[in-house]
PDB file of N, CA and C in Angstrom:
ATOM      1  N   MET A   1      -6.823 -19.004 -12.800  1.00  0.00           N
ATOM      2  CA  MET A   1      -6.210 -17.891 -13.610  1.00  0.00           C
ATOM      3  C   MET A   1      -5.287 -18.423 -14.525  1.00  0.00           C
ATOM      4  N   ASN A   2      -5.717 -19.474 -15.127  1.00  0.00           N
ATOM      5  CA  ASN A   2      -4.770 -20.033 -16.274  1.00  0.00           C
ATOM      6  C   ASN A   2      -4.959 -19.016 -17.505  1.00  0.00           C
ATOM      7  N   ASP A   3      -5.846 -18.341 -17.667  1.00  0.00           N
ATOM      8  CA  ASP A   3      -5.993 -17.501 -18.679  1.00  0.00           C
ATOM      9  C   ASP A   3      -5.311 -16.091 -18.590  1.00  0.00           C
ATOM     10  N   ILE A   4      -4.991 -15.817 -17.385  1.00  0.00           N
ATOM     11  CA  ILE A   4      -4.498 -14.544 -17.066  1.00  0.00           C
ATOM     12  C   ILE A   4      -2.945 -14.381 -17.545  1.00  0.00           C
ATOM     13  N   GLU A   5      -2.630 -13.324 -18.134  1.00  0.00           N
ATOM     14  CA  GLU A   5      -1.302 -13.295 -18.613  1.00  0.00           C
ATOM     15  C   GLU A   5      -0.222 -13.182 -17.381  1.00  0.00           C
ATOM     16  N   ASN A   6      -0.495 -12.500 -16.356  1.00  0.00           N
ATOM     17  CA  ASN A   6       0.445 -12.324 -15.301  1.00  0.00           C
ATOM     18  C   ASN A   6      -0.356 -12.593 -13.995  1.00  0.00           C
ATOM     19  N   PRO A   7      -0.639 -13.737 -13.424  1.00  0.00           N
ATOM     20  CA  PRO A   7      -1.519 -13.938 -12.275  1.00  0.00           C
ATOM     21  C   PRO A   7      -0.887 -13.446 -10.976  1.00  0.00           C
ATOM     22  N   LYS A   8       0.483 -13.495 -11.039  1.00  0.00           N
ATOM     23  CA  LYS A   8       1.190 -13.033  -9.806  1.00  0.00           C
ATOM     24  C   LYS A   8       1.026 -11.492  -9.661  1.00  0.00           C
ATOM     25  N   LYS A   9       1.004 -10.830 -10.738  1.00  0.00           N
ATOM     26  CA  LYS A   9       0.969  -9.412 -10.751  1.00  0.00           C
ATOM     27  C   LYS A   9      -0.631  -9.003 -10.448  1.00  0.00           C
ATOM     28  N   VAL A  10      -1.512  -9.535 -10.992  1.00  0.00           N
ATOM     29  CA  VAL A  10      -2.978  -9.338 -10.783  1.00  0.00           C
ATOM     30  C   VAL A  10      -3.291  -9.631  -9.326  1.00  0.00           C
ATOM     31  N   ILE A  11      -2.934 -10.615  -8.741  1.00  0.00           N
ATOM     32  CA  ILE A  11      -3.275 -10.937  -7.422  1.00  0.00           C
ATOM     33  C   ILE A  11      -2.533  -9.956  -6.374  1.00  0.00           C
ATOM     34  N   ALA A  12      -1.364  -9.537  -6.773  1.00  0.00           N
ATOM     35  CA  ALA A  12      -0.655  -8.607  -5.854  1.00  0.00           C
ATOM     36  C   ALA A  12      -1.451  -7.207  -5.877  1.00  0.00           C
ATOM     37  N   GLN A  13      -1.923  -6.841  -7.080  1.00  0.00           N
ATOM     38  CA  GLN A  13      -2.800  -5.615  -7.234  1.00  0.00           C
ATOM     39  C   GLN A  13      -4.026  -5.773  -6.493  1.00  0.00           C
ATOM     40  N   TYR A  14      -4.778  -6.959  -6.676  1.00  0.00           N
ATOM     41  CA  TYR A  14      -5.890  -7.142  -5.874  1.00  0.00           C
ATOM     42  C   TYR A  14      -5.599  -6.978  -4.441  1.00  0.00           C
ATOM     43  N   GLU A  15      -4.576  -7.603  -3.978  1.00  0.00           N
ATOM     44  CA  GLU A  15      -4.347  -7.677  -2.539  1.00  0.00           C
ATOM     45  C   GLU A  15      -4.075  -6.159  -1.987  1.00  0.00           C
ATOM     46  N   ALA A  16      -3.401  -5.413  -2.839  1.00  0.00           N
ATOM     47  CA  ALA A  16      -3.219  -4.024  -2.461  1.00  0.00           C
ATOM     48  C   ALA A  16      -4.480  -3.223  -2.416  1.00  0.00           C
ATOM     49  N   VAL A  17      -5.461  -3.508  -3.201  1.00  0.00           N
ATOM     50  CA  VAL A  17      -6.828  -2.953  -3.107  1.00  0.00           C
ATOM     51  C   VAL A  17      -7.516  -3.330  -1.780  1.00  0.00           C
ATOM     52  N   ARG A  18      -7.527  -4.683  -1.649  1.00  0.00           N
ATOM     53  CA  ARG A  18      -8.141  -5.317  -0.416  1.00  0.00           C
ATOM     54  C   ARG A  18      -7.549  -4.621   0.899  1.00  0.00           C
ATOM     55  N   ARG A  19      -6.179  -4.606   0.910  1.00  0.00           N
ATOM     56  CA  ARG A  19      -5.447  -4.036   2.115  1.00  0.00           C
ATOM     57  C   ARG A  19      -5.802  -2.499   2.399  1.00  0.00           C
ATOM     58  N   SER A  20      -6.077  -1.814   1.250  1.00  0.00           N
ATOM     59  CA  SER A  20      -6.357  -0.369   1.458  1.00  0.00           C
ATOM     60  C   SER A  20      -7.625  -0.053   2.269  1.00  0.00           C
ATOM     61  N   GLY A  21      -8.614  -1.201   2.299  1.00  0.00           N
ATOM     62  CA  GLY A  21      -9.796  -0.949   3.028  1.00  0.00           C
ATOM     63  C   GLY A  21     -10.688   0.212   2.384  1.00  0.00           C
ATOM     64  N   LEU A  22     -10.444   0.491   1.212  1.00  0.00           N
ATOM     65  CA  LEU A  22     -11.365   1.603   0.617  1.00  0.00           C
ATOM     66  C   LEU A  22     -12.688   1.028   0.037  1.00  0.00           C
ATOM     67  N   THR A  23     -12.933  -0.279   0.034  1.00  0.00           N
ATOM     68  CA  THR A  23     -14.179  -0.861  -0.456  1.00  0.00           C
ATOM     69  C   THR A  23     -14.302  -2.200  -0.008  1.00  0.00           C
ATOM     70  N   ASN A  24     -15.608  -2.714  -0.134  1.00  0.00           N
ATOM     71  CA  ASN A  24     -15.897  -4.069   0.323  1.00  0.00           C
ATOM     72  C   ASN A  24     -15.386  -4.808  -1.188  1.00  0.00           C
ATOM     73  N   MET A  25     -14.746  -5.921  -1.071  1.00  0.00           N
ATOM     74  CA  MET A  25     -14.245  -6.472  -2.274  1.00  0.00           C
ATOM     75  C   MET A  25     -15.191  -7.177  -3.113  1.00  0.00           C
ATOM     76  N   PHE A  26     -16.386  -7.336  -2.579  1.00  0.00           N
ATOM     77  CA  PHE A  26     -17.443  -7.945  -3.417  1.00  0.00           C
ATOM     78  C   PHE A  26     -18.078  -6.881  -4.313  1.00  0.00           C
ATOM     79  N   ASP A  27     -17.600  -5.560  -4.114  1.00  0.00           N
ATOM     80  CA  ASP A  27     -18.171  -4.544  -5.008  1.00  0.00           C
ATOM     81  C   ASP A  27     -17.085  -4.321  -6.165  1.00  0.00           C
ATOM     82  N   LYS A  28     -17.466  -5.160  -7.186  1.00  0.00           N
ATOM     83  CA  LYS A  28     -16.541  -5.144  -8.226  1.00  0.00           C
ATOM     84  C   LYS A  28     -16.204  -3.835  -8.813  1.00  0.00           C
ATOM     85  N   ASN A  29     -17.416  -3.104  -9.150  1.00  0.00           N
ATOM     86  CA  ASN A  29     -17.109  -1.684  -9.709  1.00  0.00           C
ATOM     87  C   ASN A  29     -16.328  -0.746  -8.909  1.00  0.00           C
ATOM     88  N   ALA A  30     -16.388  -0.898  -7.546  1.00  0.00           N
ATOM     89  CA  ALA A  30     -15.472  -0.003  -6.707  1.00  0.00           C
ATOM     90  C   ALA A  30     -14.044  -0.532  -6.896  1.00  0.00           C
ATOM     91  N   VAL A  31     -13.797  -1.835  -6.790  1.00  0.00           N
ATOM     92  CA  VAL A  31     -12.524  -2.448  -6.848  1.00  0.00           C
ATOM     93  C   VAL A  31     -11.923  -1.995  -8.263  1.00  0.00           C
ATOM     94  N   GLN A  32     -12.720  -2.253  -9.288  1.00  0.00           N
ATOM     95  CA  GLN A  32     -12.151  -1.685 -10.609  1.00  0.00           C
ATOM     96  C   GLN A  32     -11.886  -0.309 -10.558  1.00  0.00           C
ATOM     97  N   ARG A  33     -12.588   0.767 -10.080  1.00  0.00           N
ATOM     98  CA  ARG A  33     -12.278   2.080  -9.999  1.00  0.00           C
ATOM     99  C   ARG A  33     -10.989   2.396  -9.351  1.00  0.00           C
ATOM    100  N   ILE A  34     -10.912   1.748  -8.092  1.00  0.00           N
ATOM    101  CA  ILE A  34      -9.622   1.931  -7.361  1.00  0.00           C
ATOM    102  C   ILE A  34      -8.502   1.377  -7.990  1.00  0.00           C
ATOM    103  N   ALA A  35      -8.558   0.262  -8.709  1.00  0.00           N
ATOM    104  CA  ALA A  35      -7.586  -0.228  -9.452  1.00  0.00           C
ATOM    105  C   ALA A  35      -7.078   0.661 -10.503  1.00  0.00           C
ATOM    106  N   PHE A  36      -8.069   1.179 -11.261  1.00  0.00           N
ATOM    107  CA  PHE A  36      -7.759   2.154 -12.328  1.00  0.00           C
ATOM    108  C   PHE A  36      -7.009   3.297 -11.717  1.00  0.00           C
ATOM    109  N   ASP A  37      -7.589   3.867 -10.711  1.00  0.00           N
ATOM    110  CA  ASP A  37      -6.994   5.207 -10.132  1.00  0.00           C
ATOM    111  C   ASP A  37      -5.623   4.927  -9.687  1.00  0.00           C
ATOM    112  N   SER A  38      -5.263   3.657  -9.200  1.00  0.00           N
ATOM    113  CA  SER A  38      -3.907   3.200  -8.770  1.00  0.00           C
ATOM    114  C   SER A  38      -3.043   2.781  -9.879  1.00  0.00           C
ATOM    115  N   ASP A  39      -3.442   2.957 -11.090  1.00  0.00           N
ATOM    116  CA  ASP A  39      -2.750   2.350 -12.107  1.00  0.00           C
ATOM    117  C   ASP A  39      -2.514   0.850 -12.211  1.00  0.00           C
ATOM    118  N   PHE A  40      -3.435   0.025 -11.711  1.00  0.00           N
ATOM    119  CA  PHE A  40      -3.288  -1.373 -11.791  1.00  0.00           C
ATOM    120  C   PHE A  40      -4.158  -1.908 -12.795  1.00  0.00           C
ATOM    121  N   TYR A  41      -3.550  -1.638 -14.142  1.00  0.00           N
ATOM    122  CA  TYR A  41      -4.376  -1.887 -15.288  1.00  0.00           C
ATOM    123  C   TYR A  41      -4.542  -3.496 -15.637  1.00  0.00           C
ATOM    124  N   ASP A  42      -3.531  -4.220 -15.114  1.00  0.00           N
ATOM    125  CA  ASP A  42      -3.718  -5.664 -15.174  1.00  0.00           C
ATOM    126  C   ASP A  42      -5.065  -6.063 -14.442  1.00  0.00           C
ATOM    127  N   LEU A  43      -5.242  -5.605 -13.286  1.00  0.00           N
ATOM    128  CA  LEU A  43      -6.453  -5.987 -12.580  1.00  0.00           C
ATOM    129  C   LEU A  43      -7.741  -5.405 -13.260  1.00  0.00           C
ATOM    130  N   VAL A  44      -7.577  -4.264 -13.569  1.00  0.00           N
ATOM    131  CA  VAL A  44      -8.731  -3.509 -14.328  1.00  0.00           C
ATOM    132  C   VAL A  44      -9.098  -4.416 -15.569  1.00  0.00           C
ATOM    133  N   ASN A  45      -8.170  -4.797 -16.404  1.00  0.00           N
ATOM    134  CA  ASN A  45      -8.421  -5.735 -17.614  1.00  0.00           C
ATOM    135  C   ASN A  45      -9.079  -6.971 -17.203  1.00  0.00           C
ATOM    136  N   LEU A  46      -8.488  -7.503 -16.125  1.00  0.00           N
ATOM    137  CA  LEU A  46      -9.123  -8.860 -15.519  1.00  0.00           C
ATOM    138  C   LEU A  46     -10.606  -8.721 -15.268  1.00  0.00           C
ATOM    139  N   ILE A  47     -11.031  -7.508 -14.550  1.00  0.00           N
ATOM    140  CA  ILE A  47     -12.359  -7.306 -14.244  1.00  0.00           C
ATOM    141  C   ILE A  47     -13.279  -7.058 -15.440  1.00  0.00           C
ATOM    142  N   THR A  48     -12.662  -6.336 -16.377  1.00  0.00           N
ATOM    143  CA  THR A  48     -13.409  -5.938 -17.631  1.00  0.00           C
ATOM    144  C   THR A  48     -13.546  -7.407 -18.348  1.00  0.00           C
ATOM    145  N   ASP A  49     -12.645  -8.198 -18.378  1.00  0.00           N
ATOM    146  CA  ASP A  49     -12.889  -9.463 -19.198  1.00  0.00           C
ATOM    147  C   ASP A  49     -13.564 -10.455 -18.344  1.00  0.00           C
ATOM    148  N   GLY A  50     -14.154 -10.231 -17.179  1.00  0.00           N
ATOM    149  CA  GLY A  50     -15.021 -11.083 -16.526  1.00  0.00           C
ATOM    150  C   GLY A  50     -14.304 -12.193 -15.616  1.00  0.00           C
ATOM    151  N   GLY A  51     -13.117 -11.821 -15.395  1.00  0.00           N
ATOM    152  CA  GLY A  51     -12.435 -12.925 -14.493  1.00  0.00           C
ATOM    153  C   GLY A  51     -12.438 -12.635 -13.111  1.00  0.00           C
ATOM    154  N   TYR A  52     -13.105 -11.686 -12.505  1.00  0.00           N
ATOM    155  CA  TYR A  52     -12.966 -11.329 -11.115  1.00  0.00           C
ATOM    156  C   TYR A  52     -13.526 -12.354 -10.316  1.00  0.00           C
ATOM    157  N   ALA A  53     -14.616 -13.215 -10.496  1.00  0.00           N
ATOM    158  CA  ALA A  53     -14.981 -14.263  -9.753  1.00  0.00           C
ATOM    159  C   ALA A  53     -13.938 -15.284  -9.469  1.00  0.00           C
ATOM    160  N   GLU A  54     -13.100 -15.427 -10.446  1.00  0.00           N
ATOM    161  CA  GLU A  54     -11.861 -16.505 -10.263  1.00  0.00           C
ATOM    162  C   GLU A  54     -11.106 -16.016  -9.135  1.00  0.00           C
ATOM    163  N   ILE A  55     -10.800 -14.678  -8.888  1.00  0.00           N
ATOM    164  CA  ILE A  55     -10.062 -14.323  -7.882  1.00  0.00           C
ATOM    165  C   ILE A  55     -10.701 -14.569  -6.492  1.00  0.00           C
ATOM    166  N   LEU A  56     -12.064 -14.111  -6.565  1.00  0.00           N
ATOM    167  CA  LEU A  56     -12.827 -14.350  -5.266  1.00  0.00           C
ATOM    168  C   LEU A  56     -12.936 -15.787  -4.800  1.00  0.00           C
ATOM    169  N   THR A  57     -13.067 -16.713  -5.796  1.00  0.00           N
ATOM    170  CA  THR A  57     -13.281 -18.084  -5.387  1.00  0.00           C
ATOM    171  C   THR A  57     -11.895 -18.810  -5.057  1.00  0.00           C
ATOM    172  N   GLY A  58     -10.876 -18.247  -5.802  1.00  0.00           N
ATOM    173  CA  GLY A  58      -9.552 -18.989  -5.566  1.00  0.00           C
ATOM    174  C   GLY A  58      -8.511 -18.162  -4.822  1.00  0.00           C
ATOM    175  N   TYR A  59      -9.046 -17.257  -3.900  1.00  0.00           N
ATOM    176  CA  TYR A  59      -8.128 -16.252  -3.171  1.00  0.00           C
ATOM    177  C   TYR A  59      -7.074 -16.918  -2.460  1.00  0.00           C
ATOM    178  N   SER A  60      -7.424 -17.768  -1.472  1.00  0.00           N
ATOM    179  CA  SER A  60      -6.516 -18.538  -0.646  1.00  0.00           C
ATOM    180  C   SER A  60      -5.342 -19.245  -1.471  1.00  0.00           C
ATOM    181  N   GLU A  61      -5.815 -19.978  -2.627  1.00  0.00           N
ATOM    182  CA  GLU A  61      -4.691 -20.418  -3.391  1.00  0.00           C
ATOM    183  C   GLU A  61      -3.874 -19.465  -4.237  1.00  0.00           C
ATOM    184  N   LEU A  62      -4.418 -18.496  -4.614  1.00  0.00           N
ATOM    185  CA  LEU A  62      -3.646 -17.493  -5.357  1.00  0.00           C
ATOM    186  C   LEU A  62      -2.800 -16.642  -4.536  1.00  0.00           C
ATOM    187  N   MET A  63      -3.110 -16.504  -3.265  1.00  0.00           N
ATOM    188  CA  MET A  63      -2.190 -15.648  -2.395  1.00  0.00           C
ATOM    189  C   MET A  63      -0.977 -16.365  -2.245  1.00  0.00           C
ATOM    190  N   LYS A  64      -0.881 -17.756  -2.411  1.00  0.00           N
ATOM    191  CA  LYS A  64       0.410 -18.402  -2.355  1.00  0.00           C
ATOM    192  C   LYS A  64       1.328 -18.068  -3.410  1.00  0.00           C
ATOM    193  N   LEU A  65       0.879 -17.497  -4.437  1.00  0.00           N
ATOM    194  CA  LEU A  65       1.730 -17.048  -5.579  1.00  0.00           C
ATOM    195  C   LEU A  65       2.699 -15.835  -5.284  1.00  0.00           C
ATOM    196  N   ILE A  66       2.232 -15.051  -4.205  1.00  0.00           N
ATOM    197  CA  ILE A  66       3.071 -13.824  -4.119  1.00  0.00           C
ATOM    198  C   ILE A  66       3.670 -13.795  -2.660  1.00  0.00           C
ATOM    199  N   ASP A  67       4.692 -12.908  -2.717  1.00  0.00           N
ATOM    200  CA  ASP A  67       5.123 -12.538  -1.357  1.00  0.00           C
ATOM    201  C   ASP A  67       4.813 -11.016  -0.834  1.00  0.00           C
ATOM    202  N   GLU A  68       5.057 -10.800   0.350  1.00  0.00           N
ATOM    203  CA  GLU A  68       4.782  -9.430   0.841  1.00  0.00           C
ATOM    204  C   GLU A  68       5.327  -8.427  -0.018  1.00  0.00           C
ATOM    205  N   ASP A  69       6.527  -8.539  -0.490  1.00  0.00           N
ATOM    206  CA  ASP A  69       7.312  -7.647  -1.281  1.00  0.00           C
ATOM    207  C   ASP A  69       6.608  -7.333  -2.598  1.00  0.00           C
ATOM    208  N   ASP A  70       5.841  -8.391  -3.049  1.00  0.00           N
ATOM    209  CA  ASP A  70       5.235  -8.098  -4.378  1.00  0.00           C
ATOM    210  C   ASP A  70       4.011  -7.194  -4.308  1.00  0.00           C
ATOM    211  N   ILE A  71       3.523  -6.839  -3.273  1.00  0.00           N
ATOM    212  CA  ILE A  71       2.202  -6.144  -3.068  1.00  0.00           C
ATOM    213  C   ILE A  71       2.612  -4.572  -3.231  1.00  0.00           C
ATOM    214  N   PRO A  72       1.897  -4.023  -4.396  1.00  0.00           N
ATOM    215  CA  PRO A  72       2.305  -2.472  -4.374  1.00  0.00           C
ATOM    216  C   PRO A  72       1.659  -1.652  -3.381  1.00  0.00           C
ATOM    217  N   GLU A  73       1.970  -0.566  -3.268  1.00  0.00           N
ATOM    218  CA  GLU A  73       1.353   0.416  -2.431  1.00  0.00           C
ATOM    219  C   GLU A  73       0.318   1.259  -3.182  1.00  0.00           C
ATOM    220  N   ILE A  74      -0.787   1.650  -2.543  1.00  0.00           N
ATOM    221  CA  ILE A  74      -1.779   2.576  -3.114  1.00  0.00           C
ATOM    222  C   ILE A  74      -1.620   4.015  -2.679  1.00  0.00           C
TER     223      ILE A  74
END
């Protein structure tokens, strides 16, 4: 996520969508829709720009960037 402006914010938004249980996280389009509806525009932009696979492949390392308090509510 070296190219991402705020990786901590993006992974926190991703984790909020994941925890909501509203979709399978491999369904990129559904994740993007939920992110948009939740005003998680950093995550929406990442998906639009083609960086979603980077989250999926680096998830365990990226989670080390955030604390529980960083994860927003949906």
